[in-house]
Amino acid sequence: MTMRHLHTPADVGPGTVTLCATSSQRWAHLPVDRILWADEALRDGFLERVRREVGDDDAPVEVIE
C-alpha cells in the first residue's frame, strides 16, 4: 500500500513548485524554482532526483503548485 500524506500551502514556497515522490513506505519533497521547472530540458533531472530520495526509480511524482 502506498503511503499517503496531505499537502498544505506551506509545502510550496514563493516562486517554486514542489515535487512529491512516494513509494510504499517513504515520501520526499523537492522544491524547484518555477523558472527552472518551466524548462522541459531540466525536468527529467529534477524527477530523477526526487525519486532517488525515496529509493524508487519508478515512483510516482506529484507536482504541487
N, C-alpha and C. Protein backbone atom coordinates (compact mmCIF):
# COMPACT_ATOMS: atom_id res chain seq x y z
N MET A 1 0.84 -1.18 0.00
CA MET A 1 0.00 0.00 0.00
C MET A 1 0.88 1.24 0.00
N THR A 2 0.57 2.21 -0.84
CA THR A 2 1.34 3.44 -0.95
C THR A 2 1.02 4.37 0.20
N MET A 3 2.06 4.91 0.77
CA MET A 3 1.90 5.88 1.85
C MET A 3 1.28 7.15 1.29
N ARG A 4 0.29 7.70 2.00
CA ARG A 4 -0.36 8.93 1.55
C ARG A 4 -0.16 9.99 2.61
N HIS A 5 0.01 11.19 2.16
CA HIS A 5 0.05 12.31 3.07
C HIS A 5 -0.56 13.51 2.37
N LEU A 6 -0.98 14.47 3.16
CA LEU A 6 -1.64 15.65 2.61
C LEU A 6 -0.64 16.77 2.38
N HIS A 7 -0.96 17.61 1.44
CA HIS A 7 -0.13 18.78 1.16
C HIS A 7 -0.85 20.04 1.61
N THR A 8 -0.09 20.97 2.09
CA THR A 8 -0.63 22.25 2.54
C THR A 8 0.05 23.37 1.77
N PRO A 9 -0.50 24.57 1.82
CA PRO A 9 0.17 25.70 1.15
C PRO A 9 1.61 25.90 1.63
N ALA A 10 1.91 25.49 2.84
CA ALA A 10 3.27 25.63 3.37
C ALA A 10 4.27 24.72 2.64
N ASP A 11 3.79 23.73 1.90
CA ASP A 11 4.67 22.84 1.15
C ASP A 11 5.24 23.50 -0.10
N VAL A 12 4.69 24.64 -0.48
CA VAL A 12 5.13 25.32 -1.69
C VAL A 12 5.58 26.73 -1.34
N GLY A 13 6.87 26.97 -1.51
CA GLY A 13 7.41 28.29 -1.22
C GLY A 13 7.13 29.26 -2.35
N PRO A 14 7.31 30.55 -2.09
CA PRO A 14 7.10 31.56 -3.12
C PRO A 14 8.02 31.30 -4.33
N GLY A 15 7.44 31.34 -5.51
CA GLY A 15 8.22 31.18 -6.74
C GLY A 15 8.69 29.77 -7.02
N THR A 16 8.09 28.78 -6.33
CA THR A 16 8.52 27.40 -6.54
C THR A 16 7.33 26.49 -6.84
N VAL A 17 7.65 25.30 -7.31
CA VAL A 17 6.73 24.17 -7.30
C VAL A 17 7.40 23.14 -6.42
N THR A 18 6.62 22.24 -5.85
CA THR A 18 7.18 21.18 -5.03
C THR A 18 6.88 19.85 -5.69
N LEU A 19 7.93 19.05 -5.89
CA LEU A 19 7.75 17.71 -6.43
C LEU A 19 7.64 16.76 -5.24
N CYS A 20 6.64 15.90 -5.27
CA CYS A 20 6.42 14.95 -4.19
C CYS A 20 6.45 13.54 -4.77
N ALA A 21 7.47 12.78 -4.38
CA ALA A 21 7.58 11.38 -4.82
C ALA A 21 7.17 10.49 -3.66
N THR A 22 6.43 9.43 -3.97
CA THR A 22 6.02 8.49 -2.93
C THR A 22 6.34 7.07 -3.34
N SER A 23 6.81 6.30 -2.38
CA SER A 23 6.98 4.86 -2.58
C SER A 23 6.11 4.19 -1.52
N SER A 24 6.26 2.92 -1.34
CA SER A 24 5.38 2.21 -0.41
C SER A 24 5.54 2.67 1.03
N GLN A 25 6.71 3.07 1.44
CA GLN A 25 6.95 3.44 2.83
C GLN A 25 7.53 4.84 3.03
N ARG A 26 7.88 5.54 1.97
CA ARG A 26 8.55 6.82 2.11
C ARG A 26 7.96 7.85 1.16
N TRP A 27 8.20 9.12 1.49
CA TRP A 27 7.87 10.20 0.58
C TRP A 27 8.98 11.24 0.69
N ALA A 28 9.13 12.03 -0.36
CA ALA A 28 10.14 13.08 -0.37
C ALA A 28 9.62 14.27 -1.14
N HIS A 29 9.97 15.45 -0.67
CA HIS A 29 9.63 16.69 -1.36
C HIS A 29 10.90 17.34 -1.90
N LEU A 30 10.78 17.90 -3.09
CA LEU A 30 11.87 18.65 -3.69
C LEU A 30 11.31 19.97 -4.20
N PRO A 31 11.65 21.08 -3.56
CA PRO A 31 11.22 22.38 -4.09
C PRO A 31 12.06 22.75 -5.31
N VAL A 32 11.40 23.26 -6.34
CA VAL A 32 12.08 23.63 -7.58
C VAL A 32 11.61 25.02 -8.00
N ASP A 33 12.53 25.87 -8.35
CA ASP A 33 12.19 27.20 -8.85
C ASP A 33 11.27 27.07 -10.07
N ARG A 34 10.21 27.87 -10.11
CA ARG A 34 9.24 27.79 -11.22
C ARG A 34 9.89 28.03 -12.58
N ILE A 35 10.86 28.92 -12.65
CA ILE A 35 11.53 29.21 -13.92
C ILE A 35 12.30 27.99 -14.40
N LEU A 36 12.99 27.31 -13.47
CA LEU A 36 13.72 26.10 -13.85
C LEU A 36 12.77 24.98 -14.23
N TRP A 37 11.66 24.83 -13.49
CA TRP A 37 10.68 23.78 -13.80
C TRP A 37 10.05 24.02 -15.17
N ALA A 38 9.92 25.26 -15.59
CA ALA A 38 9.32 25.57 -16.88
C ALA A 38 10.21 25.11 -18.04
N ASP A 39 11.49 24.91 -17.79
CA ASP A 39 12.42 24.45 -18.82
C ASP A 39 12.32 22.92 -18.92
N GLU A 40 11.63 22.44 -19.94
CA GLU A 40 11.39 21.00 -20.07
C GLU A 40 12.67 20.18 -20.16
N ALA A 41 13.76 20.78 -20.61
CA ALA A 41 15.03 20.06 -20.70
C ALA A 41 15.59 19.71 -19.32
N LEU A 42 15.17 20.43 -18.29
CA LEU A 42 15.65 20.19 -16.93
C LEU A 42 14.75 19.27 -16.11
N ARG A 43 13.54 19.07 -16.54
CA ARG A 43 12.56 18.35 -15.72
C ARG A 43 12.97 16.93 -15.37
N ASP A 44 13.50 16.18 -16.31
CA ASP A 44 13.87 14.79 -16.03
C ASP A 44 14.88 14.71 -14.89
N GLY A 45 15.81 15.64 -14.85
CA GLY A 45 16.81 15.65 -13.78
C GLY A 45 16.17 15.86 -12.41
N PHE A 46 15.20 16.77 -12.34
CA PHE A 46 14.50 17.00 -11.07
C PHE A 46 13.70 15.78 -10.66
N LEU A 47 13.02 15.16 -11.63
CA LEU A 47 12.22 13.97 -11.33
C LEU A 47 13.11 12.82 -10.85
N GLU A 48 14.25 12.62 -11.50
CA GLU A 48 15.18 11.58 -11.08
C GLU A 48 15.68 11.83 -9.66
N ARG A 49 15.97 13.08 -9.37
CA ARG A 49 16.49 13.43 -8.04
C ARG A 49 15.49 13.11 -6.93
N VAL A 50 14.23 13.52 -7.11
CA VAL A 50 13.25 13.27 -6.05
C VAL A 50 12.93 11.78 -5.94
N ARG A 51 12.98 11.06 -7.03
CA ARG A 51 12.75 9.61 -6.98
C ARG A 51 13.90 8.90 -6.25
N ARG A 52 15.13 9.38 -6.44
CA ARG A 52 16.27 8.80 -5.72
C ARG A 52 16.09 8.95 -4.21
N GLU A 53 15.48 10.04 -3.79
CA GLU A 53 15.26 10.28 -2.37
C GLU A 53 14.39 9.20 -1.73
N VAL A 54 13.47 8.63 -2.49
CA VAL A 54 12.62 7.57 -1.94
C VAL A 54 13.11 6.18 -2.33
N GLY A 55 14.18 6.12 -3.11
CA GLY A 55 14.77 4.84 -3.47
C GLY A 55 13.99 4.04 -4.48
N ASP A 56 13.25 4.71 -5.34
CA ASP A 56 12.42 4.02 -6.34
C ASP A 56 12.45 4.81 -7.64
N ASP A 57 13.14 4.29 -8.64
CA ASP A 57 13.28 4.98 -9.92
C ASP A 57 11.96 5.16 -10.67
N ASP A 58 10.94 4.41 -10.27
CA ASP A 58 9.64 4.47 -10.93
C ASP A 58 8.56 5.08 -10.04
N ALA A 59 8.94 5.70 -8.94
CA ALA A 59 7.96 6.26 -8.01
C ALA A 59 7.13 7.34 -8.70
N PRO A 60 5.83 7.37 -8.42
CA PRO A 60 5.02 8.45 -8.98
C PRO A 60 5.41 9.77 -8.33
N VAL A 61 5.35 10.83 -9.14
CA VAL A 61 5.70 12.17 -8.66
C VAL A 61 4.53 13.10 -8.92
N GLU A 62 4.12 13.79 -7.87
CA GLU A 62 3.06 14.79 -7.98
C GLU A 62 3.71 16.17 -7.97
N VAL A 63 3.22 17.04 -8.85
CA VAL A 63 3.70 18.43 -8.89
C VAL A 63 2.69 19.28 -8.13
N ILE A 64 3.15 19.91 -7.06
CA ILE A 64 2.28 20.72 -6.22
C ILE A 64 2.58 22.18 -6.50
N GLU A 65 1.54 22.91 -6.94
CA GLU A 65 1.73 24.32 -7.30
C GLU A 65 0.98 25.23 -6.36
